[in-house]
Amino acid sequence: NLVKPKYFIPIHGEYRHLVIHARLAEKQGIPRHRVLAAENGNVICF
């Protein structure tokens, strides 16, 4: 809520931590298609 990002990417954690954090971001109003749950090796392009 401080940063108010357009996109959200959870980092640092096991896969379940990333998923739970991603869901938390959605509940804070970030649209699902703007929450990028990436894994090692994924190329995130902007």
All heavy atoms as atom14 arrays in JSON, in Angstrom:
{
  "sequence": "NLVKPKYFIPIHGEYRHLVIHARLAEKQGIPRHRVLAAENGNVICF",
  "atom14_mask": [
    [1, 1, 1, 1, 1, 1, 1, 1, 0, 0, 0, 0, 0, 0],
    [1, 1, 1, 1, 1, 1, 1, 1, 0, 0, 0, 0, 0, 0],
    [1, 1, 1, 1, 1, 1, 1, 0, 0, 0, 0, 0, 0, 0],
    [1, 1, 1, 1, 1, 1, 1, 1, 1, 0, 0, 0, 0, 0],
    [1, 1, 1, 1, 1, 1, 1, 0, 0, 0, 0, 0, 0, 0],
    [1, 1, 1, 1, 1, 1, 1, 1, 1, 0, 0, 0, 0, 0],
    [1, 1, 1, 1, 1, 1, 1, 1, 1, 1, 1, 1, 0, 0],
    [1, 1, 1, 1, 1, 1, 1, 1, 1, 1, 1, 0, 0, 0],
    [1, 1, 1, 1, 1, 1, 1, 1, 0, 0, 0, 0, 0, 0],
    [1, 1, 1, 1, 1, 1, 1, 0, 0, 0, 0, 0, 0, 0],
    [1, 1, 1, 1, 1, 1, 1, 1, 0, 0, 0, 0, 0, 0],
    [1, 1, 1, 1, 1, 1, 1, 1, 1, 1, 0, 0, 0, 0],
    [1, 1, 1, 1, 0, 0, 0, 0, 0, 0, 0, 0, 0, 0],
    [1, 1, 1, 1, 1, 1, 1, 1, 1, 0, 0, 0, 0, 0],
    [1, 1, 1, 1, 1, 1, 1, 1, 1, 1, 1, 1, 0, 0],
    [1, 1, 1, 1, 1, 1, 1, 1, 1, 1, 1, 0, 0, 0],
    [1, 1, 1, 1, 1, 1, 1, 1, 1, 1, 0, 0, 0, 0],
    [1, 1, 1, 1, 1, 1, 1, 1, 0, 0, 0, 0, 0, 0],
    [1, 1, 1, 1, 1, 1, 1, 0, 0, 0, 0, 0, 0, 0],
    [1, 1, 1, 1, 1, 1, 1, 1, 0, 0, 0, 0, 0, 0],
    [1, 1, 1, 1, 1, 1, 1, 1, 1, 1, 0, 0, 0, 0],
    [1, 1, 1, 1, 1, 0, 0, 0, 0, 0, 0, 0, 0, 0],
    [1, 1, 1, 1, 1, 1, 1, 1, 1, 1, 1, 0, 0, 0],
    [1, 1, 1, 1, 1, 1, 1, 1, 0, 0, 0, 0, 0, 0],
    [1, 1, 1, 1, 1, 0, 0, 0, 0, 0, 0, 0, 0, 0],
    [1, 1, 1, 1, 1, 1, 1, 1, 1, 0, 0, 0, 0, 0],
    [1, 1, 1, 1, 1, 1, 1, 1, 1, 0, 0, 0, 0, 0],
    [1, 1, 1, 1, 1, 1, 1, 1, 1, 0, 0, 0, 0, 0],
    [1, 1, 1, 1, 0, 0, 0, 0, 0, 0, 0, 0, 0, 0],
    [1, 1, 1, 1, 1, 1, 1, 1, 0, 0, 0, 0, 0, 0],
    [1, 1, 1, 1, 1, 1, 1, 0, 0, 0, 0, 0, 0, 0],
    [1, 1, 1, 1, 1, 1, 1, 1, 1, 1, 1, 0, 0, 0],
    [1, 1, 1, 1, 1, 1, 1, 1, 1, 1, 0, 0, 0, 0],
    [1, 1, 1, 1, 1, 1, 1, 1, 1, 1, 1, 0, 0, 0],
    [1, 1, 1, 1, 1, 1, 1, 0, 0, 0, 0, 0, 0, 0],
    [1, 1, 1, 1, 1, 1, 1, 1, 0, 0, 0, 0, 0, 0],
    [1, 1, 1, 1, 1, 0, 0, 0, 0, 0, 0, 0, 0, 0],
    [1, 1, 1, 1, 1, 0, 0, 0, 0, 0, 0, 0, 0, 0],
    [1, 1, 1, 1, 1, 1, 1, 1, 1, 0, 0, 0, 0, 0],
    [1, 1, 1, 1, 1, 1, 1, 1, 0, 0, 0, 0, 0, 0],
    [1, 1, 1, 1, 0, 0, 0, 0, 0, 0, 0, 0, 0, 0],
    [1, 1, 1, 1, 1, 1, 1, 1, 0, 0, 0, 0, 0, 0],
    [1, 1, 1, 1, 1, 1, 1, 0, 0, 0, 0, 0, 0, 0],
    [1, 1, 1, 1, 1, 1, 1, 1, 0, 0, 0, 0, 0, 0],
    [1, 1, 1, 1, 1, 1, 0, 0, 0, 0, 0, 0, 0, 0],
    [1, 1, 1, 1, 1, 1, 1, 1, 1, 1, 1, 0, 0, 0]
  ],
  "atom14_positions": [
    [[0.81, -1.22, 0.0], [0.0, 0.0, 0.0], [0.84, 1.27, 0.0], [0.4, 2.32, -0.5], [-0.95, -0.01, 1.21], [-2.05, -1.06, 1.07], [-2.61, -1.23, -0.01], [-2.32, -1.8, 2.14], [0.0, 0.0, 0.0], [0.0, 0.0, 0.0], [0.0, 0.0, 0.0], [0.0, 0.0, 0.0], [0.0, 0.0, 0.0], [0.0, 0.0, 0.0]],
    [[2.06, 1.19, 0.55], [2.97, 2.34, 0.5], [3.49, 2.56, -0.93], [3.53, 3.69, -1.43], [4.16, 2.11, 1.43], [3.93, 2.26, 2.94], [5.17, 1.78, 3.69], [3.64, 3.71, 3.3], [0.0, 0.0, 0.0], [0.0, 0.0, 0.0], [0.0, 0.0, 0.0], [0.0, 0.0, 0.0], [0.0, 0.0, 0.0], [0.0, 0.0, 0.0]],
    [[3.87, 1.47, -1.56], [4.54, 1.56, -2.86], [3.55, 1.7, -4.02], [3.86, 2.3, -5.04], [5.45, 0.32, -3.05], [6.05, 0.28, -4.45], [6.57, 0.33, -2.01], [0.0, 0.0, 0.0], [0.0, 0.0, 0.0], [0.0, 0.0, 0.0], [0.0, 0.0, 0.0], [0.0, 0.0, 0.0], [0.0, 0.0, 0.0], [0.0, 0.0, 0.0]],
    [[2.36, 1.12, -3.84], [1.29, 1.2, -4.86], [1.79, 0.81, -6.26], [1.71, 1.6, -7.21], [0.69, 2.61, -4.89], [-0.02, 2.99, -3.58], [-0.52, 4.41, -3.6], [0.6, 5.39, -3.43], [0.17, 6.77, -3.11], [0.0, 0.0, 0.0], [0.0, 0.0, 0.0], [0.0, 0.0, 0.0], [0.0, 0.0, 0.0], [0.0, 0.0, 0.0]],
    [[2.32, -0.39, -6.39], [2.9, -0.77, -7.68], [1.84, -1.13, -8.72], [0.74, -1.56, -8.38], [3.73, -2.01, -7.32], [2.96, -2.63, -6.2], [2.41, -1.48, -5.39], [0.0, 0.0, 0.0], [0.0, 0.0, 0.0], [0.0, 0.0, 0.0], [0.0, 0.0, 0.0], [0.0, 0.0, 0.0], [0.0, 0.0, 0.0], [0.0, 0.0, 0.0]],
    [[2.22, -0.99, -9.98], [1.35, -1.43, -11.06], [1.4, -2.94, -11.18], [0.38, -3.59, -11.41], [1.78, -0.79, -12.38], [0.86, -1.09, -13.55], [1.29, -0.33, -14.8], [0.34, -0.62, -15.98], [0.75, 0.11, -17.2], [0.0, 0.0, 0.0], [0.0, 0.0, 0.0], [0.0, 0.0, 0.0], [0.0, 0.0, 0.0], [0.0, 0.0, 0.0]],
    [[2.6, -3.52, -11.01], [2.79, -4.97, -11.05], [3.42, -5.43, -9.74], [4.15, -4.67, -9.08], [3.69, -5.38, -12.22], [3.07, -5.14, -13.58], [3.27, -3.95, -14.26], [2.28, -6.12, -14.18], [2.7, -3.73, -15.51], [1.71, -5.91, -15.42], [1.92, -4.71, -16.08], [1.35, -4.5, -17.31], [0.0, 0.0, 0.0], [0.0, 0.0, 0.0]],
    [[3.15, -6.69, -9.41], [3.7, -7.24, -8.17], [4.37, -8.58, -8.46], [3.81, -9.44, -9.14], [2.6, -7.44, -7.13], [3.1, -8.03, -5.84], [3.75, -7.24, -4.9], [2.94, -9.39, -5.56], [4.24, -7.78, -3.73], [3.42, -9.94, -4.4], [4.08, -9.13, -3.47], [0.0, 0.0, 0.0], [0.0, 0.0, 0.0], [0.0, 0.0, 0.0]],
    [[5.6, -8.75, -7.92], [6.36, -10.0, -8.09], [6.85, -10.45, -6.72], [7.71, -9.81, -6.11], [7.56, -9.79, -9.03], [7.1, -9.24, -10.38], [8.32, -11.11, -9.21], [8.24, -8.81, -11.28], [0.0, 0.0, 0.0], [0.0, 0.0, 0.0], [0.0, 0.0, 0.0], [0.0, 0.0, 0.0], [0.0, 0.0, 0.0], [0.0, 0.0, 0.0]],
    [[6.31, -11.56, -6.17], [6.83, -12.08, -4.9], [8.19, -12.73, -5.1], [8.41, -13.47, -6.07], [5.77, -13.11, -4.48], [5.15, -13.56, -5.77], [5.22, -12.38, -6.71], [0.0, 0.0, 0.0], [0.0, 0.0, 0.0], [0.0, 0.0, 0.0], [0.0, 0.0, 0.0], [0.0, 0.0, 0.0], [0.0, 0.0, 0.0], [0.0, 0.0, 0.0]],
    [[9.12, -12.48, -4.19], [10.47, -13.05, -4.27], [10.87, -13.6, -2.9], [10.18, -13.37, -1.9], [11.52, -12.02, -4.76], [11.58, -10.82, -3.79], [11.19, -11.56, -6.17], [12.72, -9.85, -4.09], [0.0, 0.0, 0.0], [0.0, 0.0, 0.0], [0.0, 0.0, 0.0], [0.0, 0.0, 0.0], [0.0, 0.0, 0.0], [0.0, 0.0, 0.0]],
    [[11.99, -14.29, -2.85], [12.59, -14.81, -1.61], [11.63, -15.71, -0.83], [10.91, -15.26, 0.05], [13.04, -13.66, -0.69], [14.07, -12.78, -1.28], [14.49, -11.63, -0.66], [14.74, -12.83, -2.45], [15.38, -11.03, -1.42], [15.55, -11.75, -2.52], [0.0, 0.0, 0.0], [0.0, 0.0, 0.0], [0.0, 0.0, 0.0], [0.0, 0.0, 0.0]],
    [[11.65, -16.98, -1.13], [10.82, -17.91, -0.38], [10.57, -19.18, -1.16], [10.81, -19.26, -2.37], [0.0, 0.0, 0.0], [0.0, 0.0, 0.0], [0.0, 0.0, 0.0], [0.0, 0.0, 0.0], [0.0, 0.0, 0.0], [0.0, 0.0, 0.0], [0.0, 0.0, 0.0], [0.0, 0.0, 0.0], [0.0, 0.0, 0.0], [0.0, 0.0, 0.0]],
    [[10.07, -20.18, -0.45], [9.65, -21.41, -1.1], [8.39, -21.13, -1.92], [7.75, -20.09, -1.76], [9.42, -22.5, -0.06], [10.69, -22.89, 0.69], [10.46, -23.97, 1.74], [9.34, -24.53, 1.77], [11.38, -24.25, 2.52], [0.0, 0.0, 0.0], [0.0, 0.0, 0.0], [0.0, 0.0, 0.0], [0.0, 0.0, 0.0], [0.0, 0.0, 0.0]],
    [[8.04, -22.08, -2.78], [6.97, -21.81, -3.75], [5.66, -21.45, -3.04], [4.93, -20.56, -3.47], [6.76, -23.01, -4.67], [5.83, -22.7, -5.82], [6.25, -21.88, -6.86], [4.53, -23.19, -5.85], [5.41, -21.56, -7.91], [3.68, -22.88, -6.89], [4.12, -22.07, -7.92], [3.28, -21.75, -8.95], [0.0, 0.0, 0.0], [0.0, 0.0, 0.0]],
    [[5.34, -22.12, -1.94], [4.09, -21.81, -1.24], [4.1, -20.38, -0.7], [3.06, -19.72, -0.68], [3.85, -22.81, -0.11], [4.79, -22.69, 1.08], [4.45, -23.72, 2.14], [5.17, -23.5, 3.39], [6.4, -23.92, 3.61], [7.06, -24.58, 2.67], [7.0, -23.7, 4.78], [0.0, 0.0, 0.0], [0.0, 0.0, 0.0], [0.0, 0.0, 0.0]],
    [[5.28, -19.89, -0.27], [5.37, -18.52, 0.21], [5.07, -17.53, -0.92], [4.38, -16.53, -0.72], [6.77, -18.23, 0.77], [7.16, -19.13, 1.9], [8.43, -19.65, 2.03], [6.45, -19.62, 2.94], [8.49, -20.41, 3.11], [7.3, -20.4, 3.67], [0.0, 0.0, 0.0], [0.0, 0.0, 0.0], [0.0, 0.0, 0.0], [0.0, 0.0, 0.0]],
    [[5.6, -17.82, -2.11], [5.38, -16.94, -3.26], [3.9, -16.89, -3.63], [3.34, -15.82, -3.91], [6.21, -17.4, -4.46], [7.72, -17.57, -4.25], [8.39, -18.03, -5.54], [8.36, -16.27, -3.77], [0.0, 0.0, 0.0], [0.0, 0.0, 0.0], [0.0, 0.0, 0.0], [0.0, 0.0, 0.0], [0.0, 0.0, 0.0], [0.0, 0.0, 0.0]],
    [[3.24, -18.06, -3.63], [1.82, -18.12, -3.98], [0.97, -17.38, -2.96], [0.07, -16.6, -3.32], [1.37, -19.6, -4.11], [-0.15, -19.69, -4.26], [2.06, -20.27, -5.28], [0.0, 0.0, 0.0], [0.0, 0.0, 0.0], [0.0, 0.0, 0.0], [0.0, 0.0, 0.0], [0.0, 0.0, 0.0], [0.0, 0.0, 0.0], [0.0, 0.0, 0.0]],
    [[1.25, -17.6, -1.69], [0.47, -16.94, -0.64], [0.66, -15.42, -0.71], [-0.29, -14.65, -0.55], [0.88, -17.48, 0.75], [0.42, -18.94, 0.89], [0.31, -16.62, 1.87], [1.0, -19.66, 2.09], [0.0, 0.0, 0.0], [0.0, 0.0, 0.0], [0.0, 0.0, 0.0], [0.0, 0.0, 0.0], [0.0, 0.0, 0.0], [0.0, 0.0, 0.0]],
    [[1.89, -14.98, -0.96], [2.17, -13.55, -1.08], [1.45, -12.97, -2.31], [0.93, -11.85, -2.27], [3.68, -13.32, -1.17], [4.1, -11.94, -0.81], [5.41, -11.54, -0.83], [3.4, -10.84, -0.45], [5.5, -10.28, -0.47], [4.29, -9.82, -0.25], [0.0, 0.0, 0.0], [0.0, 0.0, 0.0], [0.0, 0.0, 0.0], [0.0, 0.0, 0.0]],
    [[1.43, -13.72, -3.4], [0.74, -13.28, -4.6], [-0.75, -13.09, -4.33], [-1.37, -12.08, -4.75], [0.95, -14.28, -5.73], [0.0, 0.0, 0.0], [0.0, 0.0, 0.0], [0.0, 0.0, 0.0], [0.0, 0.0, 0.0], [0.0, 0.0, 0.0], [0.0, 0.0, 0.0], [0.0, 0.0, 0.0], [0.0, 0.0, 0.0], [0.0, 0.0, 0.0]],
    [[-1.35, -14.03, -3.61], [-2.78, -13.91, -3.26], [-3.02, -12.72, -2.35], [-4.05, -12.02, -2.47], [-3.25, -15.2, -2.58], [-3.27, -16.41, -3.51], [-3.56, -17.68, -2.73], [-3.57, -18.86, -3.61], [-3.59, -20.11, -3.17], [-3.61, -20.35, -1.85], [-3.59, -21.12, -4.01], [0.0, 0.0, 0.0], [0.0, 0.0, 0.0], [0.0, 0.0, 0.0]],
    [[-2.08, -12.47, -1.46], [-2.2, -11.31, -0.56], [-2.2, -10.01, -1.37], [-2.97, -9.09, -1.07], [-1.04, -11.33, 0.43], [-1.07, -10.29, 1.56], [-2.2, -10.58, 2.52], [0.25, -10.28, 2.31], [0.0, 0.0, 0.0], [0.0, 0.0, 0.0], [0.0, 0.0, 0.0], [0.0, 0.0, 0.0], [0.0, 0.0, 0.0], [0.0, 0.0, 0.0]],
    [[-1.35, -9.94, -2.38], [-1.3, -8.74, -3.24], [-2.61, -8.54, -3.98], [-3.08, -7.4, -4.13], [-0.13, -8.87, -4.22], [0.0, 0.0, 0.0], [0.0, 0.0, 0.0], [0.0, 0.0, 0.0], [0.0, 0.0, 0.0], [0.0, 0.0, 0.0], [0.0, 0.0, 0.0], [0.0, 0.0, 0.0], [0.0, 0.0, 0.0], [0.0, 0.0, 0.0]],
    [[-3.21, -9.64, -4.44], [-4.5, -9.52, -5.12], [-5.56, -8.94, -4.19], [-6.38, -8.11, -4.59], [-4.94, -10.89, -5.63], [-4.11, -11.43, -6.79], [-4.54, -12.83, -7.19], [-5.73, -13.17, -6.98], [-3.7, -13.57, -7.72], [0.0, 0.0, 0.0], [0.0, 0.0, 0.0], [0.0, 0.0, 0.0], [0.0, 0.0, 0.0], [0.0, 0.0, 0.0]],
    [[-5.54, -9.37, -2.92], [-6.51, -8.85, -1.95], [-6.28, -7.37, -1.65], [-7.19, -6.69, -1.16], [-6.42, -9.67, -0.66], [-6.94, -11.09, -0.81], [-6.85, -11.86, 0.5], [-7.38, -13.28, 0.33], [-7.26, -14.07, 1.59], [0.0, 0.0, 0.0], [0.0, 0.0, 0.0], [0.0, 0.0, 0.0], [0.0, 0.0, 0.0], [0.0, 0.0, 0.0]],
    [[-5.06, -6.89, -1.92], [-4.77, -5.47, -1.72], [-5.13, -4.63, -2.95], [-4.82, -3.44, -3.0], [-3.3, -5.27, -1.37], [-2.85, -5.96, -0.11], [-3.76, -5.68, 1.07], [-3.92, -4.53, 1.48], [-4.37, -6.74, 1.62], [0.0, 0.0, 0.0], [0.0, 0.0, 0.0], [0.0, 0.0, 0.0], [0.0, 0.0, 0.0], [0.0, 0.0, 0.0]],
    [[-5.77, -5.25, -3.92], [-6.28, -4.49, -5.05], [-5.47, -4.57, -6.33], [-5.81, -3.91, -7.32], [0.0, 0.0, 0.0], [0.0, 0.0, 0.0], [0.0, 0.0, 0.0], [0.0, 0.0, 0.0], [0.0, 0.0, 0.0], [0.0, 0.0, 0.0], [0.0, 0.0, 0.0], [0.0, 0.0, 0.0], [0.0, 0.0, 0.0], [0.0, 0.0, 0.0]],
    [[-4.4, -5.36, -6.35], [-3.62, -5.5, -7.58], [-4.29, -6.58, -8.44], [-4.47, -7.71, -7.99], [-2.16, -5.88, -7.28], [-1.5, -4.8, -6.42], [-1.38, -6.08, -8.57], [-0.07, -5.08, -6.04], [0.0, 0.0, 0.0], [0.0, 0.0, 0.0], [0.0, 0.0, 0.0], [0.0, 0.0, 0.0], [0.0, 0.0, 0.0], [0.0, 0.0, 0.0]],
    [[-4.7, -6.25, -9.67], [-5.39, -7.23, -10.52], [-4.55, -8.49, -10.72], [-3.32, -8.43, -10.77], [-5.58, -6.48, -11.84], [-5.5, -5.04, -11.48], [-4.55, -4.96, -10.33], [0.0, 0.0, 0.0], [0.0, 0.0, 0.0], [0.0, 0.0, 0.0], [0.0, 0.0, 0.0], [0.0, 0.0, 0.0], [0.0, 0.0, 0.0], [0.0, 0.0, 0.0]],
    [[-5.24, -9.63, -10.83], [-4.55, -10.91, -10.93], [-3.57, -10.95, -12.1], [-2.47, -11.5, -11.97], [-5.57, -12.04, -11.07], [-4.94, -13.43, -11.24], [-5.96, -14.53, -11.14], [-6.52, -14.59, -9.8], [-7.39, -15.54, -9.41], [-7.77, -16.49, -10.26], [-7.88, -15.54, -8.18], [0.0, 0.0, 0.0], [0.0, 0.0, 0.0], [0.0, 0.0, 0.0]],
    [[-3.93, -10.35, -13.25], [-3.05, -10.42, -14.41], [-1.8, -9.56, -14.24], [-0.89, -9.64, -15.06], [-3.81, -10.01, -15.69], [-4.18, -8.57, -15.74], [-5.31, -8.06, -15.08], [-3.59, -7.5, -16.35], [-5.39, -6.76, -15.31], [-4.37, -6.39, -16.06], [0.0, 0.0, 0.0], [0.0, 0.0, 0.0], [0.0, 0.0, 0.0], [0.0, 0.0, 0.0]],
    [[-1.77, -8.75, -13.18], [-0.58, -7.94, -12.89], [0.24, -8.5, -11.74], [1.19, -7.85, -11.27], [-0.99, -6.5, -12.59], [-1.54, -5.76, -13.8], [-1.86, -4.33, -13.46], [-2.41, -3.62, -14.63], [-2.9, -2.37, -14.6], [-2.91, -1.71, -13.44], [-3.38, -1.82, -15.68], [0.0, 0.0, 0.0], [0.0, 0.0, 0.0], [0.0, 0.0, 0.0]],
    [[-0.14, -9.65, -11.26], [0.65, -10.34, -10.23], [1.42, -11.46, -10.93], [0.82, -12.42, -11.43], [-0.25, -10.9, -9.11], [0.59, -11.69, -8.11], [-0.99, -9.78, -8.41], [0.0, 0.0, 0.0], [0.0, 0.0, 0.0], [0.0, 0.0, 0.0], [0.0, 0.0, 0.0], [0.0, 0.0, 0.0], [0.0, 0.0, 0.0], [0.0, 0.0, 0.0]],
    [[2.73, -11.32, -10.99], [3.56, -12.26, -11.74], [4.29, -13.2, -10.78], [5.27, -12.81, -10.13], [4.58, -11.49, -12.59], [3.98, -10.43, -13.54], [5.09, -9.66, -14.25], [3.04, -11.07, -14.54], [0.0, 0.0, 0.0], [0.0, 0.0, 0.0], [0.0, 0.0, 0.0], [0.0, 0.0, 0.0], [0.0, 0.0, 0.0], [0.0, 0.0, 0.0]],
    [[3.76, -14.4, -10.64], [4.38, -15.4, -9.75], [5.44, -16.14, -10.55], [5.16, -17.16, -11.19], [3.32, -16.35, -9.2], [0.0, 0.0, 0.0], [0.0, 0.0, 0.0], [0.0, 0.0, 0.0], [0.0, 0.0, 0.0], [0.0, 0.0, 0.0], [0.0, 0.0, 0.0], [0.0, 0.0, 0.0], [0.0, 0.0, 0.0], [0.0, 0.0, 0.0]],
    [[6.64, -15.63, -10.53], [7.73, -16.18, -11.33], [8.51, -17.24, -10.55], [8.41, -17.34, -9.33], [8.67, -15.06, -11.76], [0.0, 0.0, 0.0], [0.0, 0.0, 0.0], [0.0, 0.0, 0.0], [0.0, 0.0, 0.0], [0.0, 0.0, 0.0], [0.0, 0.0, 0.0], [0.0, 0.0, 0.0], [0.0, 0.0, 0.0], [0.0, 0.0, 0.0]],
    [[9.27, -18.03, -11.3], [10.18, -19.01, -10.72], [11.57, -18.79, -11.29], [11.76, -18.03, -12.24], [9.69, -20.43, -11.01], [8.36, -20.76, -10.38], [7.98, -22.22, -10.59], [8.62, -23.1, -9.96], [7.06, -22.49, -11.38], [0.0, 0.0, 0.0], [0.0, 0.0, 0.0], [0.0, 0.0, 0.0], [0.0, 0.0, 0.0], [0.0, 0.0, 0.0]],
    [[12.54, -19.48, -10.71], [13.92, -19.35, -11.19], [14.0, -19.61, -12.69], [13.45, -20.59, -13.19], [14.84, -20.33, -10.46], [15.04, -19.96, -9.0], [14.85, -18.82, -8.61], [15.43, -20.93, -8.19], [0.0, 0.0, 0.0], [0.0, 0.0, 0.0], [0.0, 0.0, 0.0], [0.0, 0.0, 0.0], [0.0, 0.0, 0.0], [0.0, 0.0, 0.0]],
    [[14.7, -18.72, -13.39], [14.89, -18.88, -14.81], [13.85, -18.2, -15.68], [14.08, -18.0, -16.88], [0.0, 0.0, 0.0], [0.0, 0.0, 0.0], [0.0, 0.0, 0.0], [0.0, 0.0, 0.0], [0.0, 0.0, 0.0], [0.0, 0.0, 0.0], [0.0, 0.0, 0.0], [0.0, 0.0, 0.0], [0.0, 0.0, 0.0], [0.0, 0.0, 0.0]],
    [[12.7, -17.84, -15.1], [11.7, -17.11, -15.87], [12.23, -15.75, -16.3], [12.86, -15.05, -15.5], [10.42, -16.91, -15.07], [9.59, -18.18, -14.91], [8.7, -18.22, -14.09], [9.89, -19.22, -15.67], [0.0, 0.0, 0.0], [0.0, 0.0, 0.0], [0.0, 0.0, 0.0], [0.0, 0.0, 0.0], [0.0, 0.0, 0.0], [0.0, 0.0, 0.0]],
    [[11.95, -15.35, -17.52], [12.34, -14.03, -18.02], [11.12, -13.12, -17.92], [10.13, -13.31, -18.64], [12.84, -14.1, -19.48], [13.25, -12.71, -19.96], [14.0, -15.07, -19.6], [0.0, 0.0, 0.0], [0.0, 0.0, 0.0], [0.0, 0.0, 0.0], [0.0, 0.0, 0.0], [0.0, 0.0, 0.0], [0.0, 0.0, 0.0], [0.0, 0.0, 0.0]],
    [[11.18, -12.16, -17.0], [10.08, -11.22, -16.8], [10.39, -9.97, -17.63], [11.39, -9.29, -17.38], [9.93, -10.86, -15.32], [9.86, -12.13, -14.46], [8.7, -10.0, -15.09], [10.03, -11.9, -12.98], [0.0, 0.0, 0.0], [0.0, 0.0, 0.0], [0.0, 0.0, 0.0], [0.0, 0.0, 0.0], [0.0, 0.0, 0.0], [0.0, 0.0, 0.0]],
    [[9.55, -9.69, -18.61], [9.81, -8.61, -19.56], [8.87, -7.42, -19.32], [7.67, -7.61, -19.13], [9.63, -9.11, -20.99], [10.72, -10.48, -21.43], [0.0, 0.0, 0.0], [0.0, 0.0, 0.0], [0.0, 0.0, 0.0], [0.0, 0.0, 0.0], [0.0, 0.0, 0.0], [0.0, 0.0, 0.0], [0.0, 0.0, 0.0], [0.0, 0.0, 0.0]],
    [[9.45, -6.23, -19.33], [8.68, -5.0, -19.21], [8.96, -4.12, -20.42], [10.12, -3.89, -20.77], [9.07, -4.22, -17.95], [8.74, -4.9, -16.65], [9.61, -5.82, -16.09], [7.55, -4.63, -15.99], [9.31, -6.44, -14.89], [7.24, -5.24, -14.8], [8.12, -6.16, -14.24], [0.0, 0.0, 0.0], [0.0, 0.0, 0.0], [0.0, 0.0, 0.0]]
  ]
}
